[in-house]
Structures are given as C-alpha cells and as structure tokens.
Amino acid sequence: MSDNFWRRLWEFGAGFNAVGVAVLIIGHDWVYTRDGLVPPVPGLHYDTWIGIVGVMGVAYFLVSRDLYGNLDLVRVSILAKLVSATSQLVYWLWWPETVVTMLLIPMFADYVFAIMYWRFLQHAKRQLPRPA
C-alpha cells in the first residue's frame, strides 16, 4: 500500500473523530436519552471524553502530515483505540442496558482502525532505513 493510501487513512481517522465530536456536541444529551438513558452526571465526565476524542483526532491528522515522523503517535493511537473499544465491548457484553447503541458504531470502527494503524506501523518499519 502506498504512502498516499496511508495518508488518506489517517486523514479519514481524523475526520471520523471530528464527525464524532460534532455529533456528541450537537446531540449531547440526545445520544443518551434516545436509548432511555440518563446523560452522565456530572457532565464534566462526558465533556472530558469529547475532548479526548477531539485530541486524538488531532493526533491522527498530525500523523497524516508526517507519516514516518510520528510513529509514537501511531503507537498511542493504537492503544487509545483498543482501550476505548474494549471498555465499550465489556459494558456491551456484561451490562447491555447501560450502553448507548449509537456508540457501538465507533466501538466496531475503533477495532478496525486499531488493526489498520498497526498495519501502518508494520509498513513504516519496512520503509525506514535500518541502522548500520
């Protein structure tokens, strides 16, 4: 896969997070109330989560601008995707009544992104010069 493919993947990841942040800001309480759940109290916890999704979107954009110069961000991105998706998966499996169904979309997407980001890391290792 070409650098252009990987650049587009990271741009898509940044855009995916930007859309997610917009949906969560615009539909703040609706995301929960549509499933009959009470929005988080205090709202700070929810707002902090929105901020983290936004910051990670910025990280994905930075990787897209310098694919091989941000490999530590790639590693952090993989961990962030796995931690986010796995915590949602655990709640979905053990306490399904507490899960916001709309958030299952990013849960599954995060696993796909984690796999693709890991594949990019393998690609990057092949592209970088080996030390003598």
C-alpha atoms as a PDB file:
ATOM      1  CA  MET A   1       0.000   0.000   0.000  1.00  0.00           C
ATOM      2  CA  SER A   2       1.279   3.414  -0.934  1.00  0.00           C
ATOM      3  CA  ASP A   3       2.050   6.373   1.290  1.00  0.00           C
ATOM      4  CA  ASN A   4      -0.931   8.104  -0.313  1.00  0.00           C
ATOM      5  CA  PHE A   5      -3.222   5.300   0.916  1.00  0.00           C
ATOM      6  CA  TRP A   6      -1.866   5.576   4.452  1.00  0.00           C
ATOM      7  CA  ARG A   7      -2.067   9.360   4.432  1.00  0.00           C
ATOM      8  CA  ARG A   8      -5.727   9.140   3.377  1.00  0.00           C
ATOM      9  CA  LEU A   9      -6.413   6.544   6.083  1.00  0.00           C
ATOM     10  CA  TRP A  10      -5.044   8.851   8.779  1.00  0.00           C
ATOM     11  CA  GLU A  11      -6.993  11.790   7.331  1.00  0.00           C
ATOM     12  CA  PHE A  12     -10.128   9.639   7.368  1.00  0.00           C
ATOM     13  CA  GLY A  13      -9.451   8.733  11.006  1.00  0.00           C
ATOM     14  CA  ALA A  14      -9.125  12.423  11.882  1.00  0.00           C
ATOM     15  CA  GLY A  15     -12.347  13.189  10.027  1.00  0.00           C
ATOM     16  CA  PHE A  16     -14.154  10.286  11.706  1.00  0.00           C
ATOM     17  CA  ASN A  17     -13.225  11.721  15.099  1.00  0.00           C
ATOM     18  CA  ALA A  18     -14.234  15.241  14.030  1.00  0.00           C
ATOM     19  CA  VAL A  19     -17.671  13.980  12.986  1.00  0.00           C
ATOM     20  CA  GLY A  20     -17.939  12.085  16.263  1.00  0.00           C
ATOM     21  CA  VAL A  21     -17.108  15.192  18.278  1.00  0.00           C
ATOM     22  CA  ALA A  22     -19.654  17.239  16.304  1.00  0.00           C
ATOM     23  CA  VAL A  23     -22.400  14.635  16.837  1.00  0.00           C
ATOM     24  CA  LEU A  24     -21.621  14.467  20.544  1.00  0.00           C
ATOM     25  CA  ILE A  25     -21.593  18.241  20.958  1.00  0.00           C
ATOM     26  CA  ILE A  26     -24.749  18.865  18.927  1.00  0.00           C
ATOM     27  CA  GLY A  27     -26.623  15.836  20.279  1.00  0.00           C
ATOM     28  CA  HIS A  28     -25.069  15.975  23.744  1.00  0.00           C
ATOM     29  CA  ASP A  29     -27.948  14.615  25.837  1.00  0.00           C
ATOM     30  CA  TRP A  30     -29.892  13.136  22.890  1.00  0.00           C
ATOM     31  CA  VAL A  31     -27.206  10.478  22.374  1.00  0.00           C
ATOM     32  CA  TYR A  32     -28.219   9.088  25.777  1.00  0.00           C
ATOM     33  CA  THR A  33     -31.923   9.932  26.001  1.00  0.00           C
ATOM     34  CA  ARG A  34     -32.729   8.246  22.661  1.00  0.00           C
ATOM     35  CA  ASP A  35     -31.824   4.949  24.376  1.00  0.00           C
ATOM     36  CA  GLY A  36     -33.762   5.804  27.543  1.00  0.00           C
ATOM     37  CA  LEU A  37     -30.570   6.516  29.488  1.00  0.00           C
ATOM     38  CA  VAL A  38     -29.777   9.458  31.704  1.00  0.00           C
ATOM     39  CA  PRO A  39     -26.895  11.610  30.415  1.00  0.00           C
ATOM     40  CA  PRO A  40     -23.749  11.431  32.563  1.00  0.00           C
ATOM     41  CA  VAL A  41     -23.759  13.440  35.755  1.00  0.00           C
ATOM     42  CA  PRO A  42     -21.741  15.484  36.207  1.00  0.00           C
ATOM     43  CA  GLY A  43     -21.476  16.490  32.559  1.00  0.00           C
ATOM     44  CA  LEU A  44     -17.756  17.057  33.055  1.00  0.00           C
ATOM     45  CA  HIS A  45     -17.091  13.350  32.513  1.00  0.00           C
ATOM     46  CA  TYR A  46     -18.892  13.442  29.172  1.00  0.00           C
ATOM     47  CA  ASP A  47     -17.237  16.707  28.127  1.00  0.00           C
ATOM     48  CA  THR A  48     -13.809  15.326  29.020  1.00  0.00           C
ATOM     49  CA  TRP A  49     -14.500  12.318  26.822  1.00  0.00           C
ATOM     50  CA  ILE A  50     -15.463  14.622  23.932  1.00  0.00           C
ATOM     51  CA  GLY A  51     -12.173  16.453  24.448  1.00  0.00           C
ATOM     52  CA  ILE A  52     -10.150  13.245  24.344  1.00  0.00           C
ATOM     53  CA  VAL A  53     -11.832  12.156  21.089  1.00  0.00           C
ATOM     54  CA  GLY A  54     -11.009  15.586  19.644  1.00  0.00           C
ATOM     55  CA  VAL A  55      -7.379  15.484  20.769  1.00  0.00           C
ATOM     56  CA  MET A  56      -6.913  12.020  19.291  1.00  0.00           C
ATOM     57  CA  GLY A  57      -8.385  13.319  16.023  1.00  0.00           C
ATOM     58  CA  VAL A  58      -5.682  15.997  16.019  1.00  0.00           C
ATOM     59  CA  ALA A  59      -3.062  13.272  16.587  1.00  0.00           C
ATOM     60  CA  TYR A  60      -4.384  11.333  13.564  1.00  0.00           C
ATOM     61  CA  PHE A  61      -4.197  14.492  11.468  1.00  0.00           C
ATOM     62  CA  LEU A  62      -0.578  15.073  12.589  1.00  0.00           C
ATOM     63  CA  VAL A  63       0.338  11.540  11.546  1.00  0.00           C
ATOM     64  CA  SER A  64      -1.230  12.172   8.130  1.00  0.00           C
ATOM     65  CA  ARG A  65       1.054  15.206   7.679  1.00  0.00           C
ATOM     66  CA  ASP A  66       4.271  13.341   8.616  1.00  0.00           C
ATOM     67  CA  LEU A  67       3.731   9.595   8.330  1.00  0.00           C
ATOM     68  CA  TYR A  68       7.151   8.438   9.457  1.00  0.00           C
ATOM     69  CA  GLY A  69       7.958  11.238  11.894  1.00  0.00           C
ATOM     70  CA  ASN A  70       5.082  10.470  14.254  1.00  0.00           C
ATOM     71  CA  LEU A  71       5.397   6.770  14.961  1.00  0.00           C
ATOM     72  CA  ASP A  72       4.991   7.321  18.705  1.00  0.00           C
ATOM     73  CA  LEU A  73       1.616   8.926  17.983  1.00  0.00           C
ATOM     74  CA  VAL A  74       0.768   5.829  15.934  1.00  0.00           C
ATOM     75  CA  ARG A  75       1.539   3.608  18.923  1.00  0.00           C
ATOM     76  CA  VAL A  76      -0.536   5.797  21.249  1.00  0.00           C
ATOM     77  CA  SER A  77      -3.354   5.813  18.680  1.00  0.00           C
ATOM     78  CA  ILE A  78      -3.442   2.018  18.582  1.00  0.00           C
ATOM     79  CA  LEU A  79      -3.600   1.857  22.377  1.00  0.00           C
ATOM     80  CA  ALA A  80      -6.289   4.548  22.535  1.00  0.00           C
ATOM     81  CA  LYS A  81      -8.460   2.714  20.002  1.00  0.00           C
ATOM     82  CA  LEU A  82      -8.067  -0.623  21.802  1.00  0.00           C
ATOM     83  CA  VAL A  83      -8.759   0.813  25.261  1.00  0.00           C
ATOM     84  CA  SER A  84     -11.811   2.736  24.079  1.00  0.00           C
ATOM     85  CA  ALA A  85     -13.312  -0.109  22.080  1.00  0.00           C
ATOM     86  CA  THR A  86     -12.592  -2.795  24.666  1.00  0.00           C
ATOM     87  CA  SER A  87     -14.140  -0.869  27.541  1.00  0.00           C
ATOM     88  CA  GLN A  88     -17.268  -0.340  25.422  1.00  0.00           C
ATOM     89  CA  LEU A  89     -17.282  -4.011  24.426  1.00  0.00           C
ATOM     90  CA  VAL A  90     -17.086  -5.156  28.054  1.00  0.00           C
ATOM     91  CA  TYR A  91     -20.055  -2.966  29.002  1.00  0.00           C
ATOM     92  CA  TRP A  92     -21.992  -4.080  25.922  1.00  0.00           C
ATOM     93  CA  LEU A  93     -21.472  -7.753  26.804  1.00  0.00           C
ATOM     94  CA  TRP A  94     -21.967  -7.592  30.604  1.00  0.00           C
ATOM     95  CA  TRP A  95     -24.271  -4.573  31.079  1.00  0.00           C
ATOM     96  CA  PRO A  96     -26.045  -4.039  27.731  1.00  0.00           C
ATOM     97  CA  GLU A  97     -28.728  -1.872  29.341  1.00  0.00           C
ATOM     98  CA  THR A  98     -26.053   0.753  30.094  1.00  0.00           C
ATOM     99  CA  VAL A  99     -24.738   1.018  26.537  1.00  0.00           C
ATOM    100  CA  VAL A 100     -25.589   3.840  24.181  1.00  0.00           C
ATOM    101  CA  THR A 101     -26.390   1.986  20.975  1.00  0.00           C
ATOM    102  CA  MET A 102     -25.154   4.834  18.772  1.00  0.00           C
ATOM    103  CA  LEU A 103     -21.722   4.396  20.339  1.00  0.00           C
ATOM    104  CA  LEU A 104     -21.479   0.832  19.066  1.00  0.00           C
ATOM    105  CA  ILE A 105     -20.568   2.323  15.671  1.00  0.00           C
ATOM    106  CA  PRO A 106     -17.297   3.838  16.911  1.00  0.00           C
ATOM    107  CA  MET A 107     -16.655   0.749  19.039  1.00  0.00           C
ATOM    108  CA  PHE A 108     -16.521  -1.512  15.989  1.00  0.00           C
ATOM    109  CA  ALA A 109     -14.772   1.186  13.948  1.00  0.00           C
ATOM    110  CA  ASP A 110     -12.099   1.575  16.637  1.00  0.00           C
ATOM    111  CA  TYR A 111     -11.147  -2.084  16.310  1.00  0.00           C
ATOM    112  CA  VAL A 112     -10.858  -1.685  12.538  1.00  0.00           C
ATOM    113  CA  PHE A 113      -8.791   1.492  12.957  1.00  0.00           C
ATOM    114  CA  ALA A 114      -6.526  -0.221  15.524  1.00  0.00           C
ATOM    115  CA  ILE A 115      -5.842  -3.044  13.072  1.00  0.00           C
ATOM    116  CA  MET A 116      -5.191  -0.639  10.217  1.00  0.00           C
ATOM    117  CA  TYR A 117      -2.957   1.585  12.366  1.00  0.00           C
ATOM    118  CA  TRP A 118      -0.982  -1.492  13.437  1.00  0.00           C
ATOM    119  CA  ARG A 119      -0.635  -2.471   9.768  1.00  0.00           C
ATOM    120  CA  PHE A 120       0.628   1.034   9.045  1.00  0.00           C
ATOM    121  CA  LEU A 121       3.228   0.622  11.797  1.00  0.00           C
ATOM    122  CA  GLN A 122       4.422  -2.586  10.116  1.00  0.00           C
ATOM    123  CA  HIS A 123       4.541  -0.742   6.775  1.00  0.00           C
ATOM    124  CA  ALA A 124       6.530   2.100   8.341  1.00  0.00           C
ATOM    125  CA  LYS A 125       9.094  -0.324   9.777  1.00  0.00           C
ATOM    126  CA  ARG A 126       9.706  -1.671   6.265  1.00  0.00           C
ATOM    127  CA  GLN A 127      10.070   1.828   4.824  1.00  0.00           C
ATOM    128  CA  LEU A 128      12.504   3.284   7.326  1.00  0.00           C
ATOM    129  CA  PRO A 129      16.234   2.727   6.817  1.00  0.00           C
ATOM    130  CA  ARG A 130      17.842   0.133   9.071  1.00  0.00           C
ATOM    131  CA  PRO A 131      20.658   1.318  11.365  1.00  0.00           C
ATOM    132  CA  ALA A 132      24.093   0.188  10.233  1.00  0.00           C
END
